Every structure is written in C-alpha cells, then in structure tokens.
Amino acid sequence: MLPLLPNLSLGISIPE
C-alpha cells in the first residue's frame, strides 16, 4: 500500500 495522494489538509498520506 503506497501513499498516492498526499492529504495536505491533515498532513498525512492516503494509503491506497
């Protein structure tokens, strides 16, 4: 599972 889209709002990456 690689973080494809960095969630800048939360400062985390979304695992897909």
C-alpha atoms as a PDB file:
ATOM      1  CA  MET A   1       0.000   0.000   0.000  1.00  0.00           C
ATOM      2  CA  LEU A   2       1.675   3.188  -1.219  1.00  0.00           C
ATOM      3  CA  PRO A   3       0.577   6.726  -0.383  1.00  0.00           C
ATOM      4  CA  LEU A   4      -0.630   8.009  -3.758  1.00  0.00           C
ATOM      5  CA  LEU A   5      -2.383  11.201  -2.735  1.00  0.00           C
ATOM      6  CA  PRO A   6      -0.790  13.354  -0.014  1.00  0.00           C
ATOM      7  CA  ASN A   7      -3.510  14.819   2.188  1.00  0.00           C
ATOM      8  CA  LEU A   8      -2.060  18.275   2.858  1.00  0.00           C
ATOM      9  CA  SER A   9      -5.093  19.230   4.925  1.00  0.00           C
ATOM     10  CA  LEU A  10      -4.260  16.636   7.565  1.00  0.00           C
ATOM     11  CA  GLY A  11      -0.593  16.453   6.790  1.00  0.00           C
ATOM     12  CA  ILE A  12      -0.835  12.740   6.050  1.00  0.00           C
ATOM     13  CA  SER A  13      -0.883  10.498   3.022  1.00  0.00           C
ATOM     14  CA  ILE A  14      -3.842   8.395   1.918  1.00  0.00           C
ATOM     15  CA  PRO A  15      -2.957   4.682   1.708  1.00  0.00           C
ATOM     16  CA  GLU A  16      -4.410   3.097  -1.407  1.00  0.00           C
END
